[in-house]
Amino acid sequence: MSKRAFMLVLVALLLFAVGQRSPQHTFGQEASKAPVDTWGDWWPRGQFRENDTVSTDAVQKAPHNFEEIQYSSTKTPWGPCSVSLSQDKEDRLRFDLVWSGPGTMASDEERAKHKSPEKGDVQAAIILADKVVRKPTNGEPVIGFWVGGGLGTSGDMMIFFDYLPADFEDYWVRIDMLKERHWFLIPYGLGSNPADSKSLKSTEQGQPQKPASATGNDTVHTWSSVTYDFGQIDDKGTRLSARIANPFDTEISLSIYDEDRRWSLTQPRTTAVYNWPGGYSRFSSWLSISRGDLGSMERHDRFQFWRTPFDTRAWGLLRIAVEETVLERAVPSSLFHYTHGCIQK
């Protein structure tokens, strides 16, 4: 065989081999293939795929309410406190500052050493740019009562505000504690009446900005995570919640809970995808599955959504599937777009 003939045969064999290779699992394949390989070839029938689009009407029809916005522990003149913002049952916002205290078994000396804020020590307002847009509706902030037992107590300072306007602006909860000033960023899109926020149209505002009136001595806090409660998802009493964090790339932790069930680490299978009108399906990569602090009654499934550097602020649709059970929640892009969970320097 001549050298030329040998090369032609070799090329033909290589082309045949390439043609026989099994296709990789990539986006846009036939419905039998999974967009991501988290669970091998399995993918829920009702879950998003690459070419799926989301209508504004579908986003508007989905529930818009969130459970709680969490912030990192904050240093104060009276020691560290936990901070959160939630939607109160009476259609208003509730901002909580919670301090720890000595237990009921503590000595008189220990209780005497413990310091906590008095009436007038803490001032609160919600700020847009340099303007106060909301003041507390329940008067000057005070700790209503202390609860706990022998090993420790906690005092909750609950501050109530009316809902915010339905827009995508950067609102800040400004807290003055004696000579200290703290700013807490509310993820844009959250904080308004869920019924009003459904009509919001997208804007091109990009990443949140630092408060204009914040000084070098002030402490600026971004949010740590936002929790959504999906409630009971089947007739067995199984409950589902999702905790979303977004410092740069979005991470979501799904918590499945059933006090009468011992959870497997392989069943049920879960997926999480985000999509928005004019956008595309953002698939998540599986990070880990573990049992929670409550032992086998609770399971945590962690996923990560990789970066998308968009300036658009909009409502999108988070779709979670537990096996073939599909659940949806309208979620603002502040929780998913790259760097929209942090402050531009």
Protein backbone atom coordinates (compact mmCIF):
# COMPACT_ATOMS: atom_id res chain seq x y z
CA MET A 1 0.00 0.00 0.00
CA SER A 2 1.35 3.41 -0.97
CA LYS A 3 1.88 6.11 1.62
CA ARG A 4 -0.94 8.19 0.08
CA ALA A 5 -3.36 5.26 0.22
CA PHE A 6 -2.40 4.53 3.82
CA MET A 7 -3.10 8.15 4.86
CA LEU A 8 -6.51 8.09 3.16
CA VAL A 9 -7.47 4.91 5.00
CA LEU A 10 -6.27 6.40 8.31
CA VAL A 11 -8.32 9.58 7.81
CA ALA A 12 -11.40 7.51 6.94
CA LEU A 13 -11.01 5.45 10.10
CA LEU A 14 -10.66 8.59 12.24
CA LEU A 15 -13.77 10.16 10.71
CA PHE A 16 -15.73 6.96 11.30
CA ALA A 17 -14.60 6.86 14.94
CA VAL A 18 -15.64 10.48 15.52
CA GLY A 19 -19.02 9.79 13.97
CA GLN A 20 -19.59 6.85 16.31
CA ARG A 21 -18.82 8.73 19.53
CA SER A 22 -21.74 9.09 21.94
CA PRO A 23 -23.02 12.69 22.10
CA GLN A 24 -22.20 14.65 25.24
CA HIS A 25 -24.97 16.03 27.47
CA THR A 26 -25.15 19.60 26.20
CA PHE A 27 -27.91 22.19 26.25
CA GLY A 28 -30.41 22.12 23.43
CA GLN A 29 -30.51 18.37 22.85
CA GLU A 30 -33.64 16.27 22.48
CA ALA A 31 -36.02 16.08 25.43
CA SER A 32 -34.65 12.70 26.55
CA LYS A 33 -31.30 14.24 27.51
CA ALA A 34 -30.64 16.12 30.73
CA PRO A 35 -29.33 19.72 30.38
CA VAL A 36 -26.93 19.08 33.27
CA ASP A 37 -25.50 15.80 34.54
CA THR A 38 -26.41 16.22 38.22
CA TRP A 39 -28.63 13.15 38.09
CA GLY A 40 -27.24 11.43 35.01
CA ASP A 41 -29.76 11.24 32.16
CA TRP A 42 -32.76 12.10 34.35
CA TRP A 43 -34.40 15.52 34.12
CA PRO A 44 -37.90 16.50 35.35
CA ARG A 45 -40.49 16.81 32.61
CA GLY A 46 -41.78 20.11 33.99
CA GLN A 47 -38.37 21.73 34.57
CA PHE A 48 -36.82 24.42 32.32
CA ARG A 49 -34.62 23.49 29.38
CA GLU A 50 -32.16 25.65 27.46
CA ASN A 51 -34.48 27.07 24.82
CA ASP A 52 -37.43 27.62 27.15
CA THR A 53 -38.64 31.19 27.55
CA VAL A 54 -40.62 32.82 30.33
CA SER A 55 -43.46 35.24 29.73
CA THR A 56 -44.11 38.29 31.86
CA ASP A 57 -47.56 36.87 32.53
CA ALA A 58 -46.08 33.68 34.02
CA VAL A 59 -43.84 35.70 36.34
CA GLN A 60 -46.74 37.90 37.43
CA LYS A 61 -48.90 34.88 38.27
CA ALA A 62 -46.22 33.27 40.46
CA PRO A 63 -46.12 34.06 44.22
CA HIS A 64 -43.91 37.09 44.98
CA ASN A 65 -43.61 36.80 48.75
CA PHE A 66 -40.34 35.98 50.53
CA GLU A 67 -39.82 34.64 54.05
CA GLU A 68 -36.79 36.48 55.44
CA ILE A 69 -33.67 38.44 54.48
CA GLN A 70 -30.71 37.56 56.69
CA TYR A 71 -27.67 39.74 57.41
CA SER A 72 -24.38 38.82 59.06
CA SER A 73 -23.96 39.21 62.83
CA THR A 74 -23.41 42.89 63.67
CA LYS A 75 -21.16 44.42 66.33
CA THR A 76 -22.97 46.97 68.50
CA PRO A 77 -22.21 48.94 71.70
CA TRP A 78 -24.04 46.14 73.59
CA GLY A 79 -22.33 43.21 71.92
CA PRO A 80 -23.13 41.31 68.71
CA CYS A 81 -26.70 41.02 67.47
CA SER A 82 -28.42 39.08 64.70
CA VAL A 83 -30.24 41.08 62.03
CA SER A 84 -33.09 40.17 59.67
CA LEU A 85 -35.92 41.67 57.60
CA SER A 86 -39.16 39.83 56.92
CA GLN A 87 -42.72 40.32 55.69
CA ASP A 88 -45.01 40.56 58.69
CA LYS A 89 -48.38 38.81 58.67
CA GLU A 90 -50.07 42.21 58.96
CA ASP A 91 -48.85 43.36 55.52
CA ARG A 92 -45.82 45.33 56.61
CA LEU A 93 -42.05 44.94 56.95
CA ARG A 94 -40.47 43.75 60.18
CA PHE A 95 -36.82 44.49 60.97
CA ASP A 96 -35.37 42.47 63.86
CA LEU A 97 -32.30 43.18 66.00
CA VAL A 98 -31.75 40.33 68.47
CA TRP A 99 -29.26 40.37 71.36
CA SER A 100 -28.22 37.52 73.66
CA GLY A 101 -28.45 37.83 77.43
CA PRO A 102 -27.69 35.86 80.59
CA GLY A 103 -29.90 32.91 81.48
CA THR A 104 -32.34 32.73 84.35
CA MET A 105 -29.77 30.74 86.32
CA ALA A 106 -27.15 33.49 86.00
CA SER A 107 -25.88 35.17 89.14
CA ASP A 108 -26.88 38.68 90.14
CA GLU A 109 -23.36 39.80 89.27
CA GLU A 110 -23.61 38.39 85.72
CA ARG A 111 -26.98 40.04 85.17
CA ALA A 112 -25.66 43.35 86.50
CA LYS A 113 -22.78 43.28 84.00
CA HIS A 114 -25.10 42.68 81.05
CA LYS A 115 -25.87 45.81 79.02
CA SER A 116 -28.67 46.24 76.51
CA PRO A 117 -30.10 49.19 74.54
CA GLU A 118 -32.59 51.44 76.30
CA LYS A 119 -35.35 53.52 74.75
CA GLY A 120 -33.78 56.27 72.65
CA ASP A 121 -30.47 54.44 72.10
CA VAL A 122 -31.50 53.13 68.67
CA GLN A 123 -32.95 55.14 65.77
CA ALA A 124 -34.21 53.58 62.54
CA ALA A 125 -35.33 54.68 59.07
CA ILE A 126 -35.42 53.40 55.49
CA ILE A 127 -33.43 55.55 53.08
CA LEU A 128 -33.49 56.00 49.30
CA ALA A 129 -30.50 58.06 48.12
CA ASP A 130 -30.41 60.75 50.86
CA LYS A 131 -34.13 60.81 51.57
CA VAL A 132 -36.00 59.17 54.45
CA VAL A 133 -38.86 57.25 52.83
CA ARG A 134 -40.08 55.17 55.78
CA LYS A 135 -40.06 55.67 59.54
CA PRO A 136 -40.97 53.06 62.16
CA THR A 137 -44.71 52.66 62.58
CA ASN A 138 -44.41 51.35 66.15
CA GLY A 139 -42.57 54.27 67.74
CA GLU A 140 -39.03 54.38 69.11
CA PRO A 141 -37.25 51.02 68.89
CA VAL A 142 -37.10 49.11 72.18
CA ILE A 143 -36.59 45.50 73.20
CA GLY A 144 -40.09 44.30 74.01
CA PHE A 145 -39.14 41.37 76.23
CA TRP A 146 -36.48 38.75 76.90
CA VAL A 147 -37.18 35.04 76.40
CA GLY A 148 -35.14 31.96 77.15
CA GLY A 149 -34.15 29.63 79.94
CA GLY A 150 -31.47 28.86 82.45
CA LEU A 151 -28.58 28.83 79.98
CA GLY A 152 -29.39 32.03 78.11
CA THR A 153 -31.97 34.53 76.93
CA SER A 154 -32.54 36.71 73.88
CA GLY A 155 -34.08 40.12 73.48
CA ASP A 156 -35.78 41.04 70.20
CA MET A 157 -36.05 44.66 69.07
CA MET A 158 -38.82 44.56 66.45
CA ILE A 159 -39.09 47.59 64.16
CA PHE A 160 -42.06 47.79 61.78
CA PHE A 161 -42.20 49.73 58.50
CA ASP A 162 -44.86 50.21 55.85
CA TYR A 163 -44.21 48.45 52.54
CA LEU A 164 -41.85 50.16 50.09
CA PRO A 165 -42.83 51.47 46.65
CA ALA A 166 -42.91 48.85 43.91
CA ASP A 167 -39.66 49.55 42.04
CA PHE A 168 -36.09 48.30 41.61
CA GLU A 169 -34.34 51.04 43.60
CA ASP A 170 -31.69 50.46 46.27
CA TYR A 171 -33.30 50.95 49.68
CA TRP A 172 -31.29 50.91 52.90
CA VAL A 173 -32.35 50.34 56.49
CA ARG A 174 -30.33 52.93 58.41
CA ILE A 175 -29.77 52.10 62.08
CA ASP A 176 -28.14 54.56 64.49
CA MET A 177 -26.86 53.01 67.73
CA LEU A 178 -25.56 55.76 70.01
CA LYS A 179 -22.58 57.09 68.01
CA GLU A 180 -22.53 54.23 65.49
CA ARG A 181 -24.35 54.19 62.14
CA HIS A 182 -25.15 51.02 60.18
CA TRP A 183 -26.62 50.62 56.70
CA PHE A 184 -28.40 47.39 55.66
CA LEU A 185 -29.09 46.86 51.95
CA ILE A 186 -32.50 45.51 50.98
CA PRO A 187 -32.18 43.40 47.78
CA TYR A 188 -33.84 45.46 45.07
CA GLY A 189 -37.33 44.27 44.21
CA LEU A 190 -38.04 43.03 47.74
CA GLY A 191 -39.82 45.02 50.42
CA SER A 192 -42.86 46.17 48.46
CA ASN A 193 -46.37 44.77 48.71
CA PRO A 194 -46.26 41.49 46.75
CA ALA A 195 -49.53 42.41 45.03
CA ASP A 196 -48.04 45.70 43.74
CA SER A 197 -44.65 44.35 42.65
CA LYS A 198 -46.15 42.05 40.02
CA SER A 199 -46.48 44.89 37.48
CA LEU A 200 -42.81 45.97 37.67
CA LYS A 201 -40.97 46.37 34.36
CA SER A 202 -37.25 45.75 33.96
CA THR A 203 -34.71 48.58 34.20
CA GLU A 204 -31.01 48.97 33.36
CA GLN A 205 -29.47 50.06 36.67
CA GLY A 206 -26.81 47.42 37.22
CA GLN A 207 -25.04 46.71 40.47
CA PRO A 208 -26.15 48.37 43.76
CA GLN A 209 -24.32 51.52 44.83
CA LYS A 210 -23.03 52.50 48.26
CA PRO A 211 -25.33 54.93 50.13
CA ALA A 212 -24.52 58.45 49.01
CA SER A 213 -24.48 59.85 52.56
CA ALA A 214 -22.49 57.00 54.14
CA THR A 215 -19.22 58.19 55.67
CA GLY A 216 -15.97 56.36 56.32
CA ASN A 217 -17.02 55.77 59.93
CA ASP A 218 -20.28 54.07 58.94
CA THR A 219 -20.67 50.31 58.53
CA VAL A 220 -22.31 49.17 55.30
CA HIS A 221 -23.91 45.70 55.27
CA THR A 222 -25.07 43.72 52.27
CA TRP A 223 -27.54 40.89 52.72
CA SER A 224 -26.25 37.39 53.44
CA SER A 225 -29.18 35.31 52.19
CA VAL A 226 -32.90 35.34 51.42
CA THR A 227 -35.20 32.50 52.46
CA TYR A 228 -38.34 31.35 50.62
CA ASP A 229 -40.81 28.99 52.28
CA PHE A 230 -42.68 26.73 49.85
CA GLY A 231 -44.63 25.11 52.66
CA GLN A 232 -45.98 21.57 52.46
CA ILE A 233 -45.36 20.05 49.04
CA ASP A 234 -47.11 16.66 49.31
CA ASP A 235 -49.77 14.82 51.29
CA LYS A 236 -47.11 13.19 53.49
CA GLY A 237 -46.23 16.43 55.27
CA THR A 238 -42.95 17.11 53.46
CA ARG A 239 -41.94 20.79 53.62
CA LEU A 240 -39.53 22.68 51.37
CA SER A 241 -37.65 25.95 51.80
CA ALA A 242 -34.93 27.60 49.71
CA ARG A 243 -32.12 29.85 50.96
CA ILE A 244 -30.47 31.99 48.27
CA ALA A 245 -27.08 33.70 48.70
CA ASN A 246 -25.40 35.92 46.08
CA PRO A 247 -22.07 37.59 46.93
CA PHE A 248 -20.89 36.98 43.33
CA ASP A 249 -22.09 33.64 41.95
CA THR A 250 -25.49 32.64 43.29
CA GLU A 251 -25.79 29.66 45.62
CA ILE A 252 -29.06 28.06 46.65
CA SER A 253 -29.68 25.57 49.43
CA LEU A 254 -32.88 23.53 49.35
CA SER A 255 -34.07 22.21 52.71
CA ILE A 256 -36.45 19.25 52.68
CA TYR A 257 -38.03 18.43 56.03
CA ASP A 258 -40.32 15.71 57.33
CA GLU A 259 -40.25 14.75 61.00
CA ASP A 260 -41.62 11.28 60.24
CA ARG A 261 -39.19 10.42 57.47
CA ARG A 262 -35.59 9.24 57.22
CA TRP A 263 -34.11 10.99 54.20
CA SER A 264 -32.01 9.17 51.63
CA LEU A 265 -29.14 11.11 50.03
CA THR A 266 -30.23 9.97 46.56
CA GLN A 267 -34.04 10.20 46.74
CA PRO A 268 -35.87 12.41 46.03
CA ARG A 269 -33.86 14.08 43.26
CA THR A 270 -33.98 17.89 43.11
CA THR A 271 -33.17 20.54 40.51
CA ALA A 272 -33.21 24.36 40.50
CA VAL A 273 -33.31 26.64 37.43
CA TYR A 274 -33.82 30.40 37.07
CA ASN A 275 -35.23 32.13 33.99
CA TRP A 276 -36.54 35.63 33.27
CA PRO A 277 -38.45 37.39 30.45
CA GLY A 278 -36.00 38.19 27.67
CA GLY A 279 -33.37 36.02 29.34
CA TYR A 280 -32.60 32.32 29.29
CA SER A 281 -32.51 29.25 31.52
CA ARG A 282 -29.76 29.50 34.12
CA PHE A 283 -28.99 25.97 35.21
CA SER A 284 -27.40 25.22 38.56
CA SER A 285 -24.49 22.93 39.31
CA TRP A 286 -24.86 20.46 42.15
CA LEU A 287 -22.45 21.08 45.05
CA SER A 288 -23.48 18.74 47.86
CA ILE A 289 -26.26 16.83 49.58
CA SER A 290 -26.20 16.41 53.35
CA ARG A 291 -28.42 15.76 56.34
CA GLY A 292 -29.05 18.74 58.60
CA ASP A 293 -28.69 19.37 62.31
CA LEU A 294 -32.03 17.64 62.85
CA GLY A 295 -30.51 14.34 61.78
CA SER A 296 -32.34 12.29 59.20
CA MET A 297 -35.50 14.46 59.38
CA GLU A 298 -33.91 17.20 57.26
CA ARG A 299 -31.84 17.21 54.07
CA HIS A 300 -29.91 20.08 52.43
CA ASP A 301 -29.24 20.13 48.66
CA ARG A 302 -26.76 22.83 47.58
CA PHE A 303 -26.47 24.17 44.04
CA GLN A 304 -24.52 27.02 42.42
CA PHE A 305 -25.53 29.28 39.53
CA TRP A 306 -22.53 30.62 37.60
CA ARG A 307 -22.03 34.28 36.78
CA THR A 308 -24.08 36.35 34.36
CA PRO A 309 -22.83 39.97 34.14
CA PHE A 310 -26.09 41.74 33.27
CA ASP A 311 -27.15 45.29 34.16
CA THR A 312 -30.85 44.44 33.84
CA ARG A 313 -32.99 44.55 36.98
CA ALA A 314 -36.08 42.42 36.54
CA TRP A 315 -38.37 39.81 38.05
CA GLY A 316 -37.64 36.24 37.04
CA LEU A 317 -38.94 32.78 37.82
CA LEU A 318 -37.20 30.30 40.12
CA ARG A 319 -38.40 26.79 39.31
CA ILE A 320 -37.59 23.98 41.73
CA ALA A 321 -38.41 20.35 41.03
CA VAL A 322 -38.54 17.63 43.68
CA GLU A 323 -38.72 14.57 41.43
CA GLU A 324 -41.68 15.53 39.18
CA THR A 325 -43.26 17.99 41.64
CA VAL A 326 -42.58 21.49 40.27
CA LEU A 327 -42.73 24.62 42.43
CA GLU A 328 -42.29 28.22 41.31
CA ARG A 329 -41.59 31.56 42.94
CA ALA A 330 -41.10 35.00 41.39
CA VAL A 331 -37.64 36.19 42.42
CA PRO A 332 -35.87 39.48 41.56
CA SER A 333 -32.59 39.44 39.65
CA SER A 334 -30.89 40.99 42.71
CA LEU A 335 -30.64 37.42 44.01
CA PHE A 336 -29.25 35.91 40.80
CA HIS A 337 -27.36 38.35 38.58
CA TYR A 338 -23.58 38.42 38.99
CA THR A 339 -22.41 40.95 41.65
CA HIS A 340 -25.96 42.25 42.23
CA GLY A 341 -25.65 40.96 45.79
CA CYS A 342 -22.68 43.20 46.61
CA ILE A 343 -21.82 46.91 46.53
CA GLN A 344 -19.93 48.63 43.74
CA LYS A 345 -16.85 50.34 45.16
